[in-house]
Amino acid sequence: MKRLFIFIFAISLVWPFIGCSSIDPDADKPVHELAANGLEAFEERDYKDAIKYFEKLRDWYPFSKYAKLAELKIADAHYHRKEYADAITAYEDFEELHPKNEAIPYVIYQIGLCHYEQLGTIDRDQASAKKAISVFNRLIENYPDDPYTAKAGELYHLCLKSLAEHDLYVGLFYYKTKHYKAALHRFQTVVRKYPDVGAHETALKYIAACEMVLAKQEAE
């Protein structure tokens, strides 16, 4: 009876691992095979499966030469699936773990790109534009000669344009509802902060209109 109890106890200890191995067909795959499977899925745009393979590689073989590749591809796969919050987290984790890696300019660019992809229309909150600008600024300051910095510059300009058009939109709303001081403040912000994105002339025109109305009101 005692031997039977010991046998049952021993089986209970190893059973979860036996079960996992039988359930997961990838449980015994070597690291290079998981890497190959992940890359194949990624190339075929099967990003969900790519994430699955690369996460297993990262978790099962954390000290493998393929681990950094897996971490980066997980982030890229989330980006392609438009899972921007998950992608940002994965890219930021990579940067924190490997701050000297040669892929860091690309990683920073991708973080900014994830924020940029979430830009809404000019009548919506511009938090994503502001976050993208902050990230692109960091790339520009730290890696001024990197090819990804040149790509970031164009998106940086578009984010500034979005912010300018948002302030212009709000200013026009205030102007139409006869809140001229609030409108003036918005139009002045456009001129002061975003002089080169195409909203400058419109803002100047409405600054003059606001000042004319406000001066007339003070004279009355």
N, C-alpha and C. Protein backbone atom coordinates (compact mmCIF):
# COMPACT_ATOMS: atom_id res chain seq x y z
N MET A 1 0.83 -1.21 0.00
CA MET A 1 0.00 0.00 0.00
C MET A 1 0.87 1.26 0.00
N LYS A 2 1.93 1.19 0.80
CA LYS A 2 2.84 2.33 0.88
C LYS A 2 3.50 2.57 -0.47
N ARG A 3 3.89 1.47 -1.15
CA ARG A 3 4.52 1.61 -2.48
C ARG A 3 3.55 2.21 -3.48
N LEU A 4 2.29 1.82 -3.40
CA LEU A 4 1.26 2.35 -4.31
C LEU A 4 1.09 3.84 -4.09
N PHE A 5 1.08 4.26 -2.83
CA PHE A 5 0.94 5.69 -2.52
C PHE A 5 2.12 6.49 -3.09
N ILE A 6 3.32 5.97 -2.93
CA ILE A 6 4.52 6.65 -3.45
C ILE A 6 4.47 6.74 -4.96
N PHE A 7 4.01 5.67 -5.60
CA PHE A 7 3.90 5.66 -7.07
C PHE A 7 2.91 6.72 -7.55
N ILE A 8 1.76 6.77 -6.90
CA ILE A 8 0.73 7.74 -7.29
C ILE A 8 1.23 9.16 -7.07
N PHE A 9 1.93 9.37 -5.94
CA PHE A 9 2.46 10.70 -5.64
C PHE A 9 3.49 11.13 -6.70
N ALA A 10 4.34 10.19 -7.11
CA ALA A 10 5.36 10.49 -8.12
C ALA A 10 4.74 10.83 -9.46
N ILE A 11 3.71 10.07 -9.83
CA ILE A 11 3.00 10.34 -11.09
C ILE A 11 2.36 11.72 -11.05
N SER A 12 1.81 12.10 -9.89
CA SER A 12 1.13 13.40 -9.78
C SER A 12 2.11 14.55 -9.97
N LEU A 13 3.37 14.33 -9.61
CA LEU A 13 4.37 15.38 -9.77
C LEU A 13 4.77 15.59 -11.22
N VAL A 14 4.88 14.51 -11.97
CA VAL A 14 5.35 14.62 -13.36
C VAL A 14 4.21 14.75 -14.36
N TRP A 15 2.99 14.44 -13.95
CA TRP A 15 1.86 14.46 -14.89
C TRP A 15 1.64 15.80 -15.58
N PRO A 16 1.71 16.95 -14.85
CA PRO A 16 1.51 18.23 -15.56
C PRO A 16 2.48 18.43 -16.71
N PHE A 17 3.74 17.95 -16.53
CA PHE A 17 4.73 18.14 -17.59
C PHE A 17 4.47 17.18 -18.74
N ILE A 18 4.04 15.96 -18.41
CA ILE A 18 3.68 15.01 -19.47
C ILE A 18 2.50 15.54 -20.25
N GLY A 19 1.54 16.11 -19.52
CA GLY A 19 0.34 16.65 -20.18
C GLY A 19 0.68 17.78 -21.11
N CYS A 20 1.53 18.71 -20.64
CA CYS A 20 1.90 19.85 -21.47
C CYS A 20 2.60 19.40 -22.74
N SER A 21 3.48 18.43 -22.60
CA SER A 21 4.24 17.95 -23.75
C SER A 21 3.32 17.34 -24.79
N SER A 22 2.31 16.60 -24.33
CA SER A 22 1.41 15.94 -25.28
C SER A 22 0.45 16.93 -25.91
N ILE A 23 0.08 17.99 -25.17
CA ILE A 23 -0.86 18.96 -25.69
C ILE A 23 -0.19 19.91 -26.67
N ASP A 24 1.02 20.36 -26.34
CA ASP A 24 1.73 21.34 -27.16
C ASP A 24 2.65 20.64 -28.15
N PRO A 25 2.34 20.67 -29.43
CA PRO A 25 3.17 19.98 -30.43
C PRO A 25 4.56 20.59 -30.60
N ASP A 26 4.74 21.82 -30.08
CA ASP A 26 6.05 22.48 -30.22
C ASP A 26 6.94 22.26 -29.00
N ALA A 27 6.46 21.50 -28.02
CA ALA A 27 7.16 21.42 -26.74
C ALA A 27 8.58 20.91 -26.88
N ASP A 28 8.84 20.03 -27.83
CA ASP A 28 10.17 19.44 -27.97
C ASP A 28 10.97 20.02 -29.13
N LYS A 29 10.47 21.10 -29.73
CA LYS A 29 11.17 21.66 -30.89
C LYS A 29 12.44 22.38 -30.46
N PRO A 30 13.55 22.17 -31.18
CA PRO A 30 14.77 22.91 -30.88
C PRO A 30 14.62 24.38 -31.26
N VAL A 31 15.50 25.20 -30.72
CA VAL A 31 15.37 26.65 -30.88
C VAL A 31 15.41 27.07 -32.34
N HIS A 32 16.30 26.45 -33.14
CA HIS A 32 16.40 26.89 -34.54
C HIS A 32 15.13 26.56 -35.33
N GLU A 33 14.44 25.52 -34.92
CA GLU A 33 13.19 25.16 -35.62
C GLU A 33 12.08 26.15 -35.26
N LEU A 34 12.01 26.54 -33.99
CA LEU A 34 11.03 27.56 -33.60
C LEU A 34 11.31 28.87 -34.32
N ALA A 35 12.59 29.23 -34.46
CA ALA A 35 12.95 30.45 -35.18
C ALA A 35 12.52 30.36 -36.64
N ALA A 36 12.78 29.21 -37.26
CA ALA A 36 12.41 29.03 -38.66
C ALA A 36 10.90 29.08 -38.83
N ASN A 37 10.16 28.42 -37.93
CA ASN A 37 8.70 28.44 -37.99
C ASN A 37 8.16 29.86 -37.83
N GLY A 38 8.75 30.58 -36.88
CA GLY A 38 8.30 31.95 -36.64
C GLY A 38 8.56 32.85 -37.84
N LEU A 39 9.72 32.73 -38.43
CA LEU A 39 10.06 33.56 -39.60
C LEU A 39 9.19 33.21 -40.80
N GLU A 40 8.93 31.92 -40.96
CA GLU A 40 8.06 31.49 -42.07
C GLU A 40 6.66 32.06 -41.91
N ALA A 41 6.12 31.96 -40.70
CA ALA A 41 4.79 32.51 -40.43
C ALA A 41 4.78 34.02 -40.65
N PHE A 42 5.84 34.68 -40.22
CA PHE A 42 5.93 36.14 -40.38
C PHE A 42 5.96 36.52 -41.86
N GLU A 43 6.76 35.82 -42.64
CA GLU A 43 6.86 36.10 -44.07
C GLU A 43 5.54 35.87 -44.78
N GLU A 44 4.76 34.91 -44.28
CA GLU A 44 3.46 34.62 -44.87
C GLU A 44 2.36 35.51 -44.30
N ARG A 45 2.76 36.47 -43.48
CA ARG A 45 1.84 37.41 -42.84
C ARG A 45 0.86 36.74 -41.89
N ASP A 46 1.24 35.59 -41.41
CA ASP A 46 0.47 34.92 -40.37
C ASP A 46 1.04 35.38 -39.03
N TYR A 47 0.75 36.61 -38.68
CA TYR A 47 1.42 37.23 -37.55
C TYR A 47 0.99 36.62 -36.21
N LYS A 48 -0.21 36.11 -36.16
CA LYS A 48 -0.67 35.47 -34.93
C LYS A 48 0.18 34.24 -34.61
N ASP A 49 0.41 33.40 -35.61
CA ASP A 49 1.26 32.22 -35.39
C ASP A 49 2.71 32.62 -35.18
N ALA A 50 3.14 33.66 -35.86
CA ALA A 50 4.51 34.14 -35.67
C ALA A 50 4.74 34.52 -34.21
N ILE A 51 3.79 35.24 -33.65
CA ILE A 51 3.90 35.62 -32.23
C ILE A 51 3.97 34.37 -31.36
N LYS A 52 3.15 33.39 -31.68
CA LYS A 52 3.12 32.15 -30.88
C LYS A 52 4.49 31.48 -30.88
N TYR A 53 5.09 31.33 -32.06
CA TYR A 53 6.41 30.67 -32.15
C TYR A 53 7.50 31.49 -31.47
N PHE A 54 7.49 32.79 -31.70
CA PHE A 54 8.55 33.62 -31.14
C PHE A 54 8.43 33.76 -29.62
N GLU A 55 7.21 33.76 -29.12
CA GLU A 55 7.04 33.81 -27.66
C GLU A 55 7.56 32.53 -27.01
N LYS A 56 7.31 31.40 -27.66
CA LYS A 56 7.84 30.14 -27.14
C LYS A 56 9.36 30.14 -27.17
N LEU A 57 9.92 30.62 -28.25
CA LEU A 57 11.38 30.70 -28.37
C LEU A 57 11.95 31.58 -27.26
N ARG A 58 11.35 32.75 -27.10
CA ARG A 58 11.82 33.69 -26.07
C ARG A 58 11.73 33.11 -24.66
N ASP A 59 10.62 32.44 -24.39
CA ASP A 59 10.38 31.93 -23.04
C ASP A 59 11.17 30.65 -22.74
N TRP A 60 11.33 29.80 -23.75
CA TRP A 60 12.00 28.51 -23.54
C TRP A 60 13.51 28.58 -23.72
N TYR A 61 13.95 29.52 -24.56
CA TYR A 61 15.38 29.62 -24.84
C TYR A 61 15.84 31.08 -24.67
N PRO A 62 15.73 31.64 -23.47
CA PRO A 62 16.00 33.07 -23.27
C PRO A 62 17.46 33.47 -23.51
N PHE A 63 18.38 32.51 -23.47
CA PHE A 63 19.79 32.84 -23.66
C PHE A 63 20.30 32.41 -25.04
N SER A 64 19.37 32.05 -25.90
CA SER A 64 19.73 31.65 -27.25
C SER A 64 20.13 32.87 -28.08
N LYS A 65 20.90 32.62 -29.12
CA LYS A 65 21.28 33.70 -30.05
C LYS A 65 20.06 34.21 -30.83
N TYR A 66 18.98 33.43 -30.81
CA TYR A 66 17.76 33.83 -31.50
C TYR A 66 16.81 34.64 -30.62
N ALA A 67 17.12 34.78 -29.33
CA ALA A 67 16.17 35.40 -28.40
C ALA A 67 15.88 36.86 -28.76
N LYS A 68 16.92 37.63 -29.11
CA LYS A 68 16.70 39.03 -29.47
C LYS A 68 15.86 39.15 -30.73
N LEU A 69 16.14 38.26 -31.69
CA LEU A 69 15.33 38.24 -32.91
C LEU A 69 13.87 38.00 -32.57
N ALA A 70 13.62 37.05 -31.69
CA ALA A 70 12.25 36.72 -31.29
C ALA A 70 11.57 37.92 -30.64
N GLU A 71 12.28 38.60 -29.74
CA GLU A 71 11.70 39.76 -29.06
C GLU A 71 11.31 40.85 -30.05
N LEU A 72 12.17 41.07 -31.02
CA LEU A 72 11.91 42.12 -32.01
C LEU A 72 10.77 41.73 -32.95
N LYS A 73 10.74 40.47 -33.35
CA LYS A 73 9.69 40.01 -34.25
C LYS A 73 8.33 39.96 -33.57
N ILE A 74 8.30 39.70 -32.29
CA ILE A 74 7.03 39.77 -31.54
C ILE A 74 6.47 41.18 -31.64
N ALA A 75 7.32 42.18 -31.42
CA ALA A 75 6.89 43.57 -31.52
C ALA A 75 6.41 43.90 -32.93
N ASP A 76 7.19 43.48 -33.94
CA ASP A 76 6.82 43.74 -35.33
C ASP A 76 5.48 43.09 -35.69
N ALA A 77 5.29 41.86 -35.21
CA ALA A 77 4.04 41.15 -35.52
C ALA A 77 2.85 41.86 -34.90
N HIS A 78 3.00 42.33 -33.67
CA HIS A 78 1.91 43.09 -33.04
C HIS A 78 1.63 44.37 -33.84
N TYR A 79 2.69 45.01 -34.32
CA TYR A 79 2.49 46.22 -35.12
C TYR A 79 1.68 45.91 -36.37
N HIS A 80 2.04 44.86 -37.08
CA HIS A 80 1.34 44.51 -38.31
C HIS A 80 -0.11 44.08 -38.05
N ARG A 81 -0.38 43.59 -36.86
CA ARG A 81 -1.75 43.24 -36.48
C ARG A 81 -2.52 44.45 -35.95
N LYS A 82 -1.87 45.61 -35.98
CA LYS A 82 -2.44 46.87 -35.50
C LYS A 82 -2.76 46.81 -34.00
N GLU A 83 -2.02 45.98 -33.31
CA GLU A 83 -2.12 45.90 -31.85
C GLU A 83 -1.06 46.83 -31.27
N TYR A 84 -1.32 48.14 -31.42
CA TYR A 84 -0.27 49.12 -31.19
C TYR A 84 0.19 49.19 -29.74
N ALA A 85 -0.73 49.05 -28.80
CA ALA A 85 -0.33 49.09 -27.39
C ALA A 85 0.61 47.93 -27.07
N ASP A 86 0.29 46.74 -27.57
CA ASP A 86 1.16 45.58 -27.34
C ASP A 86 2.51 45.76 -28.04
N ALA A 87 2.46 46.32 -29.24
CA ALA A 87 3.70 46.55 -29.99
C ALA A 87 4.60 47.53 -29.25
N ILE A 88 4.02 48.62 -28.76
CA ILE A 88 4.81 49.62 -28.03
C ILE A 88 5.46 48.99 -26.80
N THR A 89 4.69 48.20 -26.07
CA THR A 89 5.24 47.54 -24.89
C THR A 89 6.41 46.64 -25.26
N ALA A 90 6.25 45.87 -26.33
CA ALA A 90 7.30 44.95 -26.76
C ALA A 90 8.55 45.70 -27.23
N TYR A 91 8.35 46.78 -27.98
CA TYR A 91 9.51 47.57 -28.43
C TYR A 91 10.22 48.22 -27.24
N GLU A 92 9.44 48.75 -26.31
CA GLU A 92 10.04 49.39 -25.13
C GLU A 92 10.79 48.38 -24.28
N ASP A 93 10.25 47.17 -24.16
CA ASP A 93 10.95 46.12 -23.42
C ASP A 93 12.29 45.79 -24.09
N PHE A 94 12.26 45.72 -25.42
CA PHE A 94 13.50 45.43 -26.16
C PHE A 94 14.54 46.53 -25.91
N GLU A 95 14.10 47.77 -25.99
CA GLU A 95 15.03 48.89 -25.78
C GLU A 95 15.60 48.88 -24.36
N GLU A 96 14.77 48.56 -23.40
CA GLU A 96 15.23 48.52 -22.02
C GLU A 96 16.23 47.39 -21.79
N LEU A 97 15.98 46.24 -22.41
CA LEU A 97 16.86 45.08 -22.23
C LEU A 97 18.15 45.19 -23.03
N HIS A 98 18.08 45.86 -24.19
CA HIS A 98 19.24 45.90 -25.10
C HIS A 98 19.51 47.33 -25.57
N PRO A 99 19.84 48.24 -24.66
CA PRO A 99 19.97 49.67 -25.03
C PRO A 99 21.09 49.96 -26.02
N LYS A 100 22.05 49.07 -26.16
CA LYS A 100 23.18 49.30 -27.07
C LYS A 100 23.04 48.52 -28.38
N ASN A 101 21.94 47.84 -28.55
CA ASN A 101 21.75 47.02 -29.74
C ASN A 101 21.67 47.91 -31.00
N GLU A 102 22.18 47.40 -32.09
CA GLU A 102 22.20 48.18 -33.34
C GLU A 102 20.81 48.46 -33.88
N ALA A 103 19.80 47.72 -33.41
CA ALA A 103 18.44 47.91 -33.91
C ALA A 103 17.69 49.01 -33.16
N ILE A 104 18.30 49.65 -32.16
CA ILE A 104 17.60 50.62 -31.33
C ILE A 104 17.01 51.79 -32.13
N PRO A 105 17.73 52.38 -33.10
CA PRO A 105 17.08 53.45 -33.89
C PRO A 105 15.79 52.97 -34.56
N TYR A 106 15.81 51.77 -35.10
CA TYR A 106 14.60 51.19 -35.70
C TYR A 106 13.52 51.02 -34.64
N VAL A 107 13.88 50.55 -33.47
CA VAL A 107 12.92 50.31 -32.40
C VAL A 107 12.25 51.62 -31.97
N ILE A 108 13.05 52.67 -31.81
CA ILE A 108 12.49 53.97 -31.42
C ILE A 108 11.57 54.49 -32.52
N TYR A 109 12.01 54.34 -33.76
CA TYR A 109 11.15 54.76 -34.89
C TYR A 109 9.82 54.03 -34.86
N GLN A 110 9.86 52.74 -34.61
CA GLN A 110 8.63 51.95 -34.59
C GLN A 110 7.71 52.35 -33.44
N ILE A 111 8.28 52.71 -32.30
CA ILE A 111 7.45 53.19 -31.18
C ILE A 111 6.72 54.46 -31.62
N GLY A 112 7.47 55.38 -32.23
CA GLY A 112 6.84 56.60 -32.73
C GLY A 112 5.80 56.32 -33.78
N LEU A 113 6.09 55.36 -34.66
CA LEU A 113 5.16 55.00 -35.72
C LEU A 113 3.87 54.43 -35.14
N CYS A 114 3.98 53.64 -34.09
CA CYS A 114 2.78 53.09 -33.44
C CYS A 114 1.88 54.21 -32.92
N HIS A 115 2.50 55.23 -32.34
CA HIS A 115 1.70 56.38 -31.88
C HIS A 115 1.11 57.13 -33.07
N TYR A 116 1.92 57.29 -34.12
CA TYR A 116 1.45 58.01 -35.31
C TYR A 116 0.25 57.31 -35.94
N GLU A 117 0.29 55.98 -35.99
CA GLU A 117 -0.80 55.22 -36.61
C GLU A 117 -2.12 55.39 -35.86
N GLN A 118 -2.05 55.88 -34.64
CA GLN A 118 -3.27 56.05 -33.84
C GLN A 118 -3.81 57.48 -33.89
N LEU A 119 -3.22 58.31 -34.77
CA LEU A 119 -3.74 59.67 -34.91
C LEU A 119 -5.19 59.63 -35.35
N GLY A 120 -6.00 60.46 -34.70
CA GLY A 120 -7.39 60.58 -35.10
C GLY A 120 -7.58 61.80 -35.98
N THR A 121 -8.82 62.17 -36.21
CA THR A 121 -9.12 63.37 -36.99
C THR A 121 -8.83 64.61 -36.15
N ILE A 122 -8.79 65.77 -36.80
CA ILE A 122 -8.35 66.99 -36.12
C ILE A 122 -9.32 67.44 -35.03
N ASP A 123 -10.54 66.91 -35.03
CA ASP A 123 -11.49 67.30 -33.99
C ASP A 123 -11.37 66.42 -32.74
N ARG A 124 -10.44 65.46 -32.77
CA ARG A 124 -10.26 64.55 -31.64
C ARG A 124 -9.02 64.92 -30.83
N ASP A 125 -8.90 64.30 -29.66
CA ASP A 125 -7.75 64.49 -28.81
C ASP A 125 -6.46 64.15 -29.56
N GLN A 126 -5.44 64.93 -29.33
CA GLN A 126 -4.19 64.81 -30.08
C GLN A 126 -3.06 64.17 -29.26
N ALA A 127 -3.42 63.35 -28.27
CA ALA A 127 -2.42 62.73 -27.41
C ALA A 127 -1.45 61.86 -28.21
N SER A 128 -1.95 61.15 -29.20
CA SER A 128 -1.09 60.28 -30.00
C SER A 128 -0.07 61.09 -30.80
N ALA A 129 -0.50 62.23 -31.33
CA ALA A 129 0.42 63.09 -32.07
C ALA A 129 1.52 63.61 -31.15
N LYS A 130 1.15 64.00 -29.95
CA LYS A 130 2.13 64.52 -29.00
C LYS A 130 3.13 63.43 -28.58
N LYS A 131 2.63 62.23 -28.36
CA LYS A 131 3.52 61.12 -27.99
C LYS A 131 4.46 60.78 -29.13
N ALA A 132 3.93 60.77 -30.36
CA ALA A 132 4.77 60.47 -31.52
C ALA A 132 5.87 61.52 -31.67
N ILE A 133 5.52 62.78 -31.50
CA ILE A 133 6.51 63.86 -31.60
C ILE A 133 7.61 63.68 -30.56
N SER A 134 7.22 63.34 -29.34
CA SER A 134 8.20 63.13 -28.28
C SER A 134 9.18 62.01 -28.62
N VAL A 135 8.64 60.91 -29.15
CA VAL A 135 9.50 59.77 -29.51
C VAL A 135 10.39 60.12 -30.69
N PHE A 136 9.83 60.74 -31.72
CA PHE A 136 10.63 61.11 -32.89
C PHE A 136 11.72 62.12 -32.51
N ASN A 137 11.41 63.01 -31.59
CA ASN A 137 12.41 63.95 -31.10
C ASN A 137 13.59 63.21 -30.47
N ARG A 138 13.28 62.19 -29.71
CA ARG A 138 14.33 61.41 -29.06
C ARG A 138 15.21 60.72 -30.10
N LEU A 139 14.59 60.23 -31.14
CA LEU A 139 15.35 59.59 -32.22
C LEU A 139 16.24 60.60 -32.93
N ILE A 140 15.67 61.76 -33.25
CA ILE A 140 16.41 62.80 -33.96
C ILE A 140 17.60 63.30 -33.15
N GLU A 141 17.40 63.46 -31.85
CA GLU A 141 18.46 63.98 -30.98
C GLU A 141 19.58 62.95 -30.76
N ASN A 142 19.20 61.69 -30.61
CA ASN A 142 20.19 60.67 -30.26
C ASN A 142 20.85 60.00 -31.47
N TYR A 143 20.14 59.98 -32.59
CA TYR A 143 20.67 59.31 -33.78
C TYR A 143 20.46 60.19 -35.02
N PRO A 144 21.07 61.36 -35.05
CA PRO A 144 20.79 62.32 -36.12
C PRO A 144 21.14 61.84 -37.52
N ASP A 145 22.07 60.91 -37.63
CA ASP A 145 22.53 60.46 -38.95
C ASP A 145 21.95 59.11 -39.37
N ASP A 146 21.09 58.56 -38.56
CA ASP A 146 20.53 57.25 -38.89
C ASP A 146 19.46 57.37 -39.98
N PRO A 147 19.37 56.40 -40.88
CA PRO A 147 18.33 56.44 -41.93
C PRO A 147 16.91 56.54 -41.38
N TYR A 148 16.67 55.94 -40.23
CA TYR A 148 15.32 56.00 -39.66
C TYR A 148 14.98 57.39 -39.14
N THR A 149 16.01 58.19 -38.85
CA THR A 149 15.77 59.57 -38.42
C THR A 149 15.19 60.39 -39.58
N ALA A 150 15.69 60.14 -40.78
CA ALA A 150 15.15 60.83 -41.95
C ALA A 150 13.68 60.47 -42.17
N LYS A 151 13.36 59.21 -42.00
CA LYS A 151 11.97 58.77 -42.14
C LYS A 151 11.10 59.39 -41.05
N ALA A 152 11.64 59.49 -39.85
CA ALA A 152 10.89 60.06 -38.74
C ALA A 152 10.58 61.54 -38.97
N GLY A 153 11.50 62.24 -39.66
CA GLY A 153 11.31 63.66 -39.89
C GLY A 153 10.02 63.97 -40.63
N GLU A 154 9.70 63.17 -41.61
CA GLU A 154 8.47 63.38 -42.39
C GLU A 154 7.23 63.18 -41.52
N LEU A 155 7.23 62.12 -40.71
CA LEU A 155 6.09 61.85 -39.83
C LEU A 155 5.99 62.89 -38.73
N TYR A 156 7.13 63.35 -38.26
CA TYR A 156 7.18 64.41 -37.26
C TYR A 156 6.45 65.65 -37.78
N HIS A 157 6.73 66.01 -39.03
CA HIS A 157 6.08 67.16 -39.66
C HIS A 157 4.56 66.96 -39.74
N LEU A 158 4.13 65.76 -40.09
CA LEU A 158 2.70 65.48 -40.19
C LEU A 158 2.01 65.53 -38.82
N CYS A 159 2.73 65.13 -37.79
CA CYS A 159 2.17 65.24 -36.43
C CYS A 159 2.01 66.70 -36.02
N LEU A 160 3.00 67.52 -36.34
CA LEU A 160 2.90 68.95 -36.07
C LEU A 160 1.71 69.56 -36.82
N LYS A 161 1.54 69.13 -38.06
CA LYS A 161 0.42 69.63 -38.85
C LYS A 161 -0.91 69.25 -38.22
N SER A 162 -0.99 68.03 -37.69
CA SER A 162 -2.21 67.58 -37.03
C SER A 162 -2.51 68.44 -35.80
N LEU A 163 -1.48 68.76 -35.02
CA LEU A 163 -1.66 69.61 -33.85
C LEU A 163 -2.10 71.01 -34.25
N ALA A 164 -1.48 71.54 -35.31
CA ALA A 164 -1.83 72.88 -35.77
C ALA A 164 -3.28 72.93 -36.25
N GLU A 165 -3.66 71.94 -37.02
CA GLU A 165 -5.03 71.92 -37.56
C GLU A 165 -6.06 71.71 -36.45
N HIS A 166 -5.66 70.99 -35.42
CA HIS A 166 -6.56 70.82 -34.27
C HIS A 166 -6.79 72.16 -33.57
N ASP A 167 -5.69 72.91 -33.32
CA ASP A 167 -5.84 74.22 -32.68
C ASP A 167 -6.62 75.18 -33.57
N LEU A 168 -6.40 75.09 -34.86
CA LEU A 168 -7.15 75.92 -35.80
C LEU A 168 -8.64 75.56 -35.75
N TYR A 169 -8.93 74.28 -35.70
CA TYR A 169 -10.32 73.81 -35.64
C TYR A 169 -11.00 74.33 -34.37
N VAL A 170 -10.31 74.23 -33.24
CA VAL A 170 -10.88 74.70 -31.96
C VAL A 170 -11.05 76.22 -32.00
N GLY A 171 -10.04 76.90 -32.57
CA GLY A 171 -10.12 78.35 -32.68
C GLY A 171 -11.31 78.80 -33.51
N LEU A 172 -11.55 78.11 -34.61
CA LEU A 172 -12.71 78.45 -35.45
C LEU A 172 -14.03 78.19 -34.73
N PHE A 173 -14.05 77.14 -33.93
CA PHE A 173 -15.26 76.86 -33.13
C PHE A 173 -15.53 78.02 -32.18
N TYR A 174 -14.48 78.46 -31.46
CA TYR A 174 -14.64 79.58 -30.54
C TYR A 174 -15.04 80.86 -31.27
N TYR A 175 -14.44 81.05 -32.44
CA TYR A 175 -14.75 82.25 -33.22
C TYR A 175 -16.22 82.27 -33.64
N LYS A 176 -16.70 81.14 -34.12
CA LYS A 176 -18.09 81.06 -34.59
C LYS A 176 -19.08 81.19 -33.45
N THR A 177 -18.67 80.79 -32.26
CA THR A 177 -19.56 80.90 -31.09
C THR A 177 -19.30 82.21 -30.32
N LYS A 178 -18.51 83.10 -30.92
CA LYS A 178 -18.26 84.45 -30.42
C LYS A 178 -17.48 84.48 -29.10
N HIS A 179 -16.63 83.47 -28.89
CA HIS A 179 -15.71 83.47 -27.76
C HIS A 179 -14.35 83.94 -28.31
N TYR A 180 -14.26 85.24 -28.54
CA TYR A 180 -13.15 85.77 -29.33
C TYR A 180 -11.80 85.71 -28.62
N LYS A 181 -11.79 85.88 -27.30
CA LYS A 181 -10.51 85.80 -26.57
C LYS A 181 -9.95 84.37 -26.63
N ALA A 182 -10.82 83.40 -26.43
CA ALA A 182 -10.38 82.00 -26.51
C ALA A 182 -9.93 81.66 -27.93
N ALA A 183 -10.66 82.18 -28.91
CA ALA A 183 -10.29 81.94 -30.31
C ALA A 183 -8.93 82.56 -30.62
N LEU A 184 -8.74 83.80 -30.15
CA LEU A 184 -7.48 84.49 -30.39
C LEU A 184 -6.30 83.70 -29.82
N HIS A 185 -6.48 83.18 -28.63
CA HIS A 185 -5.42 82.40 -27.99
C HIS A 185 -5.04 81.19 -28.84
N ARG A 186 -6.04 80.50 -29.38
CA ARG A 186 -5.78 79.32 -30.22
C ARG A 186 -5.06 79.70 -31.51
N PHE A 187 -5.51 80.76 -32.15
CA PHE A 187 -4.89 81.18 -33.41
C PHE A 187 -3.44 81.64 -33.18
N GLN A 188 -3.21 82.33 -32.07
CA GLN A 188 -1.85 82.75 -31.74
C GLN A 188 -0.94 81.55 -31.48
N THR A 189 -1.51 80.51 -30.87
CA THR A 189 -0.75 79.28 -30.63
C THR A 189 -0.30 78.65 -31.94
N VAL A 190 -1.18 78.66 -32.92
CA VAL A 190 -0.85 78.10 -34.24
C VAL A 190 0.34 78.84 -34.85
N VAL A 191 0.28 80.16 -34.80
CA VAL A 191 1.35 80.98 -35.38
C VAL A 191 2.66 80.80 -34.63
N ARG A 192 2.57 80.74 -33.31
CA ARG A 192 3.78 80.67 -32.49
C ARG A 192 4.45 79.29 -32.54
N LYS A 193 3.64 78.24 -32.47
CA LYS A 193 4.20 76.90 -32.33
C LYS A 193 4.32 76.12 -33.64
N TYR A 194 3.48 76.47 -34.63
CA TYR A 194 3.46 75.69 -35.87
C TYR A 194 3.51 76.60 -37.09
N PRO A 195 4.60 77.32 -37.28
CA PRO A 195 4.64 78.31 -38.36
C PRO A 195 4.84 77.73 -39.75
N ASP A 196 5.25 76.48 -39.86
CA ASP A 196 5.66 75.94 -41.16
C ASP A 196 4.88 74.70 -41.58
N VAL A 197 3.63 74.61 -41.20
CA VAL A 197 2.87 73.39 -41.53
C VAL A 197 1.62 73.68 -42.36
N GLY A 198 1.48 74.91 -42.84
CA GLY A 198 0.38 75.21 -43.75
C GLY A 198 -0.84 75.85 -43.12
N ALA A 199 -0.81 76.12 -41.81
CA ALA A 199 -1.97 76.72 -41.16
C ALA A 199 -1.72 78.17 -40.77
N HIS A 200 -0.54 78.65 -41.06
CA HIS A 200 -0.07 79.96 -40.60
C HIS A 200 -0.95 81.10 -41.14
N GLU A 201 -1.19 81.11 -42.43
CA GLU A 201 -1.91 82.23 -43.04
C GLU A 201 -3.35 82.31 -42.55
N THR A 202 -4.01 81.17 -42.44
CA THR A 202 -5.38 81.16 -41.94
C THR A 202 -5.44 81.68 -40.52
N ALA A 203 -4.49 81.26 -39.70
CA ALA A 203 -4.45 81.71 -38.31
C ALA A 203 -4.24 83.22 -38.23
N LEU A 204 -3.35 83.75 -39.06
CA LEU A 204 -3.10 85.20 -39.06
C LEU A 204 -4.36 85.99 -39.44
N LYS A 205 -5.07 85.46 -40.40
CA LYS A 205 -6.31 86.13 -40.84
C LYS A 205 -7.31 86.21 -39.69
N TYR A 206 -7.45 85.13 -38.96
CA TYR A 206 -8.42 85.12 -37.86
C TYR A 206 -7.91 85.86 -36.63
N ILE A 207 -6.59 85.95 -36.47
CA ILE A 207 -6.05 86.78 -35.40
C ILE A 207 -6.47 88.24 -35.62
N ALA A 208 -6.32 88.68 -36.85
CA ALA A 208 -6.72 90.06 -37.18
C ALA A 208 -8.22 90.27 -36.95
N ALA A 209 -9.02 89.29 -37.33
CA ALA A 209 -10.47 89.40 -37.16
C ALA A 209 -10.84 89.44 -35.68
N CYS A 210 -10.20 88.60 -34.89
CA CYS A 210 -10.48 88.57 -33.44
C CYS A 210 -10.08 89.89 -32.79
N GLU A 211 -8.90 90.36 -33.14
CA GLU A 211 -8.42 91.61 -32.55
C GLU A 211 -9.32 92.78 -32.91
N MET A 212 -9.85 92.77 -34.11
CA MET A 212 -10.76 93.84 -34.54
C MET A 212 -12.04 93.81 -33.71
N VAL A 213 -12.61 92.63 -33.51
CA VAL A 213 -13.85 92.50 -32.74
C VAL A 213 -13.61 92.88 -31.29
N LEU A 214 -12.49 92.39 -30.72
CA LEU A 214 -12.20 92.68 -29.31
C LEU A 214 -11.94 94.16 -29.08
N ALA A 215 -11.26 94.81 -30.02
CA ALA A 215 -11.01 96.23 -29.92
C ALA A 215 -12.33 97.02 -29.98
N LYS A 216 -13.23 96.60 -30.83
CA LYS A 216 -14.53 97.24 -30.95
C LYS A 216 -15.33 97.07 -29.68
N GLN A 217 -15.25 95.89 -29.07
CA GLN A 217 -15.97 95.64 -27.82
C GLN A 217 -15.43 96.48 -26.70
N GLU A 218 -14.13 96.66 -26.65
CA GLU A 218 -13.53 97.50 -25.58
C GLU A 218 -13.88 98.96 -25.75
N ALA A 219 -14.06 99.38 -27.00
CA ALA A 219 -14.37 100.79 -27.26
C ALA A 219 -15.82 101.13 -26.93
N GLU A 220 -16.65 100.16 -26.88
CA GLU A 220 -18.08 100.41 -26.63
C GLU A 220 -18.36 100.75 -25.16
